[in-house]
Amino acid sequence: MKKTLSLLAAAALVVSLAACSSSTSASGCTPTPSGASSGKVTVTGKFGTAPTVKFPKGLTAKTTERSVIIPGSGAVAKKNGTVDADYTIYDATSGKKLSVTKYAAGSASPFTLKTPLLTGMIKGLTCSPAGSRVVAVVPPADGFGTAGSTSLGVQPKDTLLFVFDVTKVSAPVKALTKANGVPQKPVAGMPTVTLAASGAPTITIPATAPPATTQIAELKKGTGTTVKDGDTVTANYTGVDWQTGKVFDSSWTNGAPITTPTSGVIPGFTKALVGQKVGSQVLVVIAPADGYGPSGGQPSAGIAATDTIVFVIDILGTTS
């Protein structure tokens, strides 16, 4: 559903993490402390540009350590809030760079500081003000655990190293537990939806060809705040591939709603959110052009570039 994380100047700023501490609290928030491992990392570069990061290969830590490279002065990230950040990620054990954002307008990724986000990422980002650059050295227990990450090439005992540039901090969104709007009449030709007691939907695809363009129907009409373009929205969702009828992702199964800016998702998902009211449940059939078609599909989810995808979305909360 989200845009692929693929889960980061003339006068260079050179700062050694050994000289920085994160032990003091900010705005009533107590950050994860720095330590010997984070002190072995050196970062070069200006905020908002891709950093040069140096650290000894085989770097490990017993617990997550967080150090501040560039102090920020904006809003402070709190538990359950949302942080937009550019990032560079390394496997600290092997020294391999795993992922990096473009460090350009719109490239920052949104992270909600609660499960299912990696514990080490939550510890690294919590208490970080907007405008700050922070580093987190994350042991397996706070990372991918004993399973590692096959897709990223992270082994079960590998330590991770994150460098975050925090571009925006949003307060936690006050959210419903499930859509509570007034049920609406089904739209002919659209997939059918049945709901469990928890509100989790089962989506049945009709035995017809998918529509050529994105189609949206309200299943429940809410009466809350209207979602505006650029808002940060909390939502539950289930996604099904029209061609296979299989669920490829579901926040109900993942255990928690997502909180994301409307710009942080594929265009068809954005179209389903903007203009709707909190409390609504929306059914959207997303044509490839508004889904994963332009990016060549989403192979990890089994979605081909030509596949139409279907979401049922509970809109639980929104904030500007």
Protein backbone atom coordinates (compact mmCIF):
# COMPACT_ATOMS: atom_id res chain seq x y z
CA MET A 1 0.00 0.00 0.00
CA LYS A 2 2.73 2.46 0.93
CA LYS A 3 5.13 3.83 -1.60
CA THR A 4 8.14 1.54 -1.68
CA LEU A 5 10.62 2.21 1.10
CA SER A 6 12.48 -0.69 -0.33
CA LEU A 7 11.19 -1.67 4.47
CA LEU A 8 17.64 8.22 3.04
CA ALA A 9 27.14 21.01 -0.32
CA ALA A 10 29.88 23.11 -0.57
CA ALA A 11 30.77 23.45 3.10
CA ALA A 12 30.49 19.95 4.58
CA LEU A 13 29.48 19.58 8.19
CA VAL A 14 31.66 17.05 9.97
CA VAL A 15 30.49 15.76 13.36
CA SER A 16 31.73 12.79 15.38
CA LEU A 17 29.06 11.01 17.34
CA ALA A 18 31.50 10.53 20.20
CA ALA A 19 31.07 14.20 21.04
CA CYS A 20 27.28 14.10 21.12
CA SER A 21 24.98 12.97 23.90
CA SER A 22 21.29 12.12 23.92
CA SER A 23 20.91 11.63 27.67
CA THR A 24 19.10 14.89 28.38
CA SER A 25 15.34 15.03 28.05
CA ALA A 26 13.60 17.38 25.63
CA SER A 27 10.08 18.72 26.10
CA GLY A 28 9.39 16.14 28.81
CA CYS A 29 10.58 13.30 26.57
CA THR A 30 13.37 10.99 27.74
CA PRO A 31 15.42 9.80 24.74
CA THR A 32 17.31 6.54 24.36
CA PRO A 33 20.87 7.24 25.55
CA SER A 34 24.01 7.20 23.47
CA GLY A 35 26.79 4.70 24.13
CA ALA A 36 30.17 3.30 23.18
CA SER A 37 28.90 1.76 19.93
CA SER A 38 27.18 4.90 18.62
CA GLY A 39 30.32 6.78 19.65
CA LYS A 40 32.30 4.80 17.07
CA VAL A 41 30.26 6.22 14.20
CA THR A 42 31.24 9.36 12.31
CA VAL A 43 28.86 11.24 10.02
CA THR A 44 29.74 13.86 7.41
CA GLY A 45 27.25 16.07 5.58
CA LYS A 46 24.56 18.71 5.89
CA PHE A 47 21.06 18.02 7.12
CA GLY A 48 18.84 17.19 4.18
CA THR A 49 21.67 15.74 2.08
CA ALA A 50 22.86 12.15 1.88
CA PRO A 51 25.41 11.66 4.68
CA THR A 52 28.80 10.00 4.51
CA VAL A 53 28.87 7.49 7.34
CA LYS A 54 31.98 5.74 8.70
CA PHE A 55 32.01 3.01 11.33
CA PRO A 56 34.08 -0.10 12.10
CA LYS A 57 32.87 -3.22 10.32
CA GLY A 58 31.42 -5.67 12.81
CA LEU A 59 29.92 -2.92 15.01
CA THR A 60 27.57 -4.37 17.63
CA ALA A 61 25.51 -3.14 20.57
CA LYS A 62 23.80 -4.94 23.46
CA THR A 63 20.94 -2.43 23.54
CA THR A 64 19.80 0.27 21.12
CA GLU A 65 21.98 3.36 21.33
CA ARG A 66 20.93 6.76 19.97
CA SER A 67 23.14 9.78 19.37
CA VAL A 68 22.30 13.25 18.10
CA ILE A 69 24.36 14.51 15.18
CA ILE A 70 22.54 17.72 14.37
CA PRO A 71 20.18 19.06 17.06
CA GLY A 72 16.77 20.14 15.80
CA SER A 73 14.53 22.87 17.19
CA GLY A 74 11.12 21.82 15.90
CA ALA A 75 8.32 19.73 17.38
CA VAL A 76 9.53 16.71 19.35
CA ALA A 77 8.53 13.19 18.27
CA LYS A 78 6.45 11.41 20.90
CA LYS A 79 5.10 7.88 21.33
CA ASN A 80 2.39 7.03 18.76
CA GLY A 81 3.17 10.20 16.80
CA THR A 82 4.37 10.30 13.21
CA VAL A 83 7.85 11.24 11.99
CA ASP A 84 8.76 12.01 8.39
CA ALA A 85 12.43 11.23 7.83
CA ASP A 86 15.01 10.72 5.15
CA TYR A 87 17.27 7.84 6.10
CA THR A 88 20.34 5.76 5.35
CA ILE A 89 20.44 2.20 6.71
CA TYR A 90 23.46 -0.08 7.09
CA ASP A 91 24.05 -3.62 8.23
CA ALA A 92 26.60 -2.67 10.88
CA THR A 93 27.90 -6.24 11.07
CA SER A 94 28.72 -6.62 7.38
CA GLY A 95 29.20 -2.92 6.62
CA LYS A 96 26.71 -3.14 3.72
CA LYS A 97 24.45 -0.19 2.90
CA LEU A 98 20.89 -1.56 2.85
CA SER A 99 18.67 1.35 1.83
CA VAL A 100 18.74 5.10 1.33
CA THR A 101 16.14 7.73 0.42
CA LYS A 102 16.72 10.38 -2.25
CA TYR A 103 17.10 13.32 0.17
CA ALA A 104 14.90 15.44 -2.08
CA ALA A 105 11.52 17.14 -1.81
CA GLY A 106 8.91 14.51 -0.99
CA SER A 107 11.41 11.69 -0.43
CA ALA A 108 11.05 11.48 3.36
CA SER A 109 9.19 8.40 4.59
CA PRO A 110 6.49 8.54 7.30
CA PHE A 111 6.99 6.37 10.40
CA THR A 112 4.41 5.97 13.16
CA LEU A 113 6.18 5.42 16.48
CA LYS A 114 4.41 2.25 17.54
CA THR A 115 4.29 -1.43 16.64
CA PRO A 116 4.71 -2.84 13.97
CA LEU A 117 7.62 -0.42 13.36
CA LEU A 118 10.94 -1.97 14.45
CA THR A 119 11.55 -1.32 18.16
CA GLY A 120 15.01 0.09 17.44
CA MET A 121 13.56 2.60 14.99
CA ILE A 122 11.01 3.70 17.58
CA LYS A 123 13.78 4.14 20.16
CA GLY A 124 15.94 6.05 17.69
CA LEU A 125 13.25 8.44 16.51
CA THR A 126 11.36 9.07 19.77
CA CYS A 127 12.30 12.45 21.34
CA SER A 128 13.90 13.63 18.09
CA PRO A 129 12.88 17.19 17.16
CA ALA A 130 12.12 18.16 13.58
CA GLY A 131 15.33 19.39 11.98
CA SER A 132 17.53 16.88 13.79
CA ARG A 133 19.86 14.20 12.46
CA VAL A 134 20.15 11.18 14.73
CA VAL A 135 21.87 7.81 14.59
CA ALA A 136 20.59 4.58 16.09
CA VAL A 137 22.69 1.44 16.52
CA VAL A 138 20.16 -1.39 16.81
CA PRO A 139 20.89 -4.95 18.03
CA PRO A 140 18.92 -7.91 16.61
CA ALA A 141 16.53 -7.96 19.60
CA ASP A 142 15.27 -4.47 18.60
CA GLY A 143 15.63 -5.15 14.86
CA PHE A 144 14.67 -8.19 12.82
CA GLY A 145 15.20 -10.62 15.71
CA THR A 146 16.29 -14.20 15.22
CA ALA A 147 14.71 -14.34 11.76
CA GLY A 148 16.82 -11.62 10.17
CA SER A 149 15.57 -10.19 6.86
CA THR A 150 16.02 -12.30 3.75
CA SER A 151 14.86 -9.49 1.44
CA LEU A 152 17.48 -7.10 2.83
CA GLY A 153 20.19 -9.70 3.32
CA VAL A 154 20.29 -9.18 7.09
CA GLN A 155 21.42 -12.23 9.06
CA PRO A 156 19.79 -13.16 12.41
CA LYS A 157 22.75 -11.89 14.50
CA ASP A 158 23.38 -8.69 12.52
CA THR A 159 23.25 -5.24 14.12
CA LEU A 160 21.63 -2.39 12.17
CA LEU A 161 22.73 1.23 11.86
CA PHE A 162 20.23 3.98 11.01
CA VAL A 163 20.93 7.63 10.17
CA PHE A 164 17.71 9.67 10.23
CA ASP A 165 17.11 13.25 9.08
CA VAL A 166 13.83 14.18 10.78
CA THR A 167 12.01 16.57 8.44
CA LYS A 168 8.58 16.68 10.10
CA VAL A 169 6.96 15.62 13.37
CA SER A 170 3.20 15.16 13.80
CA ALA A 171 1.35 14.59 17.07
CA PRO A 172 -0.58 11.32 17.55
CA VAL A 173 -3.87 11.29 15.68
CA LYS A 174 -7.01 10.80 17.78
CA ALA A 175 -8.55 7.81 16.09
CA LEU A 176 -11.63 5.62 16.16
CA THR A 177 -11.27 1.87 16.69
CA LYS A 178 -13.29 1.11 13.54
CA ALA A 179 -15.45 2.86 10.98
CA ASN A 180 -18.76 3.88 12.58
CA GLY A 181 -20.54 5.55 9.66
CA VAL A 182 -23.98 4.79 8.26
CA PRO A 183 -24.02 1.73 5.94
CA GLN A 184 -24.58 2.55 2.26
CA LYS A 185 -26.17 0.55 -0.55
CA PRO A 186 -23.72 -1.67 -2.49
CA VAL A 187 -22.70 -0.46 -5.94
CA ALA A 188 -23.42 -2.90 -8.79
CA GLY A 189 -20.35 -4.41 -10.40
CA MET A 190 -18.05 -3.65 -7.47
CA PRO A 191 -16.53 -6.38 -5.25
CA THR A 192 -18.71 -7.48 -2.34
CA VAL A 193 -17.63 -7.05 1.26
CA THR A 194 -18.59 -8.84 4.46
CA LEU A 195 -17.36 -7.73 7.87
CA ALA A 196 -16.21 -9.70 10.91
CA ALA A 197 -17.16 -8.52 14.40
CA SER A 198 -13.78 -6.76 14.60
CA GLY A 199 -14.62 -4.82 11.45
CA ALA A 200 -12.09 -6.75 9.36
CA PRO A 201 -13.43 -7.17 5.80
CA THR A 202 -13.58 -10.18 3.51
CA ILE A 203 -13.52 -9.04 -0.12
CA THR A 204 -15.02 -11.14 -2.90
CA ILE A 205 -14.03 -10.27 -6.47
CA PRO A 206 -16.75 -10.57 -9.16
CA ALA A 207 -16.19 -12.96 -12.08
CA THR A 208 -15.81 -10.08 -14.53
CA ALA A 209 -12.99 -8.04 -16.00
CA PRO A 210 -11.84 -5.17 -13.76
CA PRO A 211 -12.81 -1.60 -14.62
CA ALA A 212 -10.35 0.34 -16.78
CA THR A 213 -10.21 3.27 -14.37
CA THR A 214 -10.14 3.63 -10.58
CA GLN A 215 -13.58 3.31 -8.96
CA ILE A 216 -14.57 4.37 -5.43
CA ALA A 217 -17.67 3.48 -3.41
CA GLU A 218 -18.65 4.31 0.17
CA LEU A 219 -19.58 1.30 2.29
CA LYS A 220 -20.16 3.44 5.39
CA LYS A 221 -20.63 7.21 5.41
CA GLY A 222 -18.92 8.90 8.35
CA THR A 223 -19.70 12.25 9.92
CA GLY A 224 -16.27 13.23 11.23
CA THR A 225 -13.60 15.59 9.92
CA THR A 226 -13.09 15.63 6.15
CA VAL A 227 -9.71 14.34 4.95
CA LYS A 228 -7.84 17.03 3.02
CA ASP A 229 -4.96 16.56 0.60
CA GLY A 230 -1.75 16.60 2.65
CA ASP A 231 -3.40 15.46 5.91
CA THR A 232 -1.99 12.65 8.02
CA VAL A 233 -4.56 9.86 8.20
CA THR A 234 -4.96 6.86 10.51
CA ALA A 235 -6.66 3.95 8.77
CA ASN A 236 -7.19 0.21 8.73
CA TYR A 237 -7.12 -1.50 5.35
CA THR A 238 -7.19 -4.82 3.53
CA GLY A 239 -5.84 -5.17 0.00
CA VAL A 240 -6.77 -7.87 -2.53
CA ASP A 241 -5.44 -8.53 -6.04
CA TRP A 242 -8.38 -8.56 -8.49
CA GLN A 243 -6.63 -11.07 -10.76
CA THR A 244 -5.94 -13.66 -8.04
CA GLY A 245 -8.54 -12.80 -5.40
CA LYS A 246 -5.81 -13.12 -2.76
CA VAL A 247 -5.16 -10.76 0.16
CA PHE A 248 -1.69 -9.25 -0.22
CA ASP A 249 -1.70 -6.95 2.82
CA SER A 250 -3.97 -6.10 5.76
CA SER A 251 -3.47 -3.85 8.75
CA TRP A 252 -6.02 -5.96 10.62
CA THR A 253 -3.70 -8.94 10.19
CA ASN A 254 -0.61 -6.84 10.91
CA GLY A 255 -2.11 -5.88 14.27
CA ALA A 256 -2.34 -2.08 14.05
CA PRO A 257 -3.74 0.70 11.85
CA ILE A 258 -1.35 2.75 9.75
CA THR A 259 -0.81 6.48 10.14
CA THR A 260 0.40 8.11 6.93
CA PRO A 261 0.23 11.39 5.03
CA THR A 262 -2.06 11.20 2.01
CA SER A 263 1.05 11.73 -0.12
CA GLY A 264 2.73 8.64 1.37
CA VAL A 265 0.60 6.07 -0.46
CA ILE A 266 -0.11 5.07 -4.05
CA PRO A 267 -2.32 7.52 -6.03
CA GLY A 268 -5.42 5.32 -5.98
CA PHE A 269 -5.26 5.03 -2.20
CA THR A 270 -4.90 8.82 -1.93
CA LYS A 271 -7.98 9.28 -4.14
CA ALA A 272 -9.93 6.98 -1.81
CA LEU A 273 -8.96 9.04 1.26
CA VAL A 274 -9.16 12.69 0.20
CA GLY A 275 -12.66 14.14 0.52
CA GLN A 276 -13.95 11.36 2.79
CA LYS A 277 -14.98 11.89 6.40
CA VAL A 278 -13.58 10.18 9.48
CA GLY A 279 -15.79 7.22 10.34
CA SER A 280 -16.25 6.26 6.68
CA GLN A 281 -15.44 2.88 5.18
CA VAL A 282 -14.40 3.07 1.55
CA LEU A 283 -14.13 0.42 -1.18
CA VAL A 284 -11.68 1.36 -3.94
CA VAL A 285 -10.81 -0.56 -7.10
CA ILE A 286 -7.43 0.79 -8.25
CA ALA A 287 -6.43 0.55 -11.90
CA PRO A 288 -2.73 -0.21 -12.55
CA ALA A 289 -2.03 3.41 -13.55
CA ASP A 290 -3.07 4.55 -10.04
CA GLY A 291 -1.45 1.57 -8.31
CA TYR A 292 1.82 -0.27 -8.84
CA GLY A 293 1.76 -0.25 -12.64
CA PRO A 294 4.12 2.71 -13.09
CA SER A 295 6.67 1.09 -10.77
CA GLY A 296 6.55 -2.28 -12.54
CA GLY A 297 4.32 -3.97 -9.99
CA GLN A 298 5.10 -5.08 -6.45
CA PRO A 299 6.75 -8.51 -6.81
CA SER A 300 7.19 -9.02 -3.06
CA ALA A 301 3.39 -8.88 -2.72
CA GLY A 302 2.73 -10.90 -5.86
CA ILE A 303 1.30 -7.89 -7.73
CA ALA A 304 2.10 -7.62 -11.45
CA ALA A 305 2.35 -4.27 -13.22
CA THR A 306 -0.92 -5.01 -15.04
CA ASP A 307 -2.88 -6.06 -11.94
CA THR A 308 -5.87 -4.16 -10.60
CA ILE A 309 -5.97 -4.05 -6.81
CA VAL A 310 -8.86 -3.56 -4.37
CA PHE A 311 -8.85 -2.02 -0.90
CA VAL A 312 -11.40 -1.68 1.85
CA ILE A 313 -10.34 1.24 4.06
CA ASP A 314 -11.63 2.30 7.48
CA ILE A 315 -10.83 6.01 7.94
CA LEU A 316 -10.23 6.33 11.68
CA GLY A 317 -8.69 9.77 12.13
CA THR A 318 -7.06 12.72 10.37
CA THR A 319 -4.95 15.74 11.21
CA SER A 320 -3.53 18.58 9.15
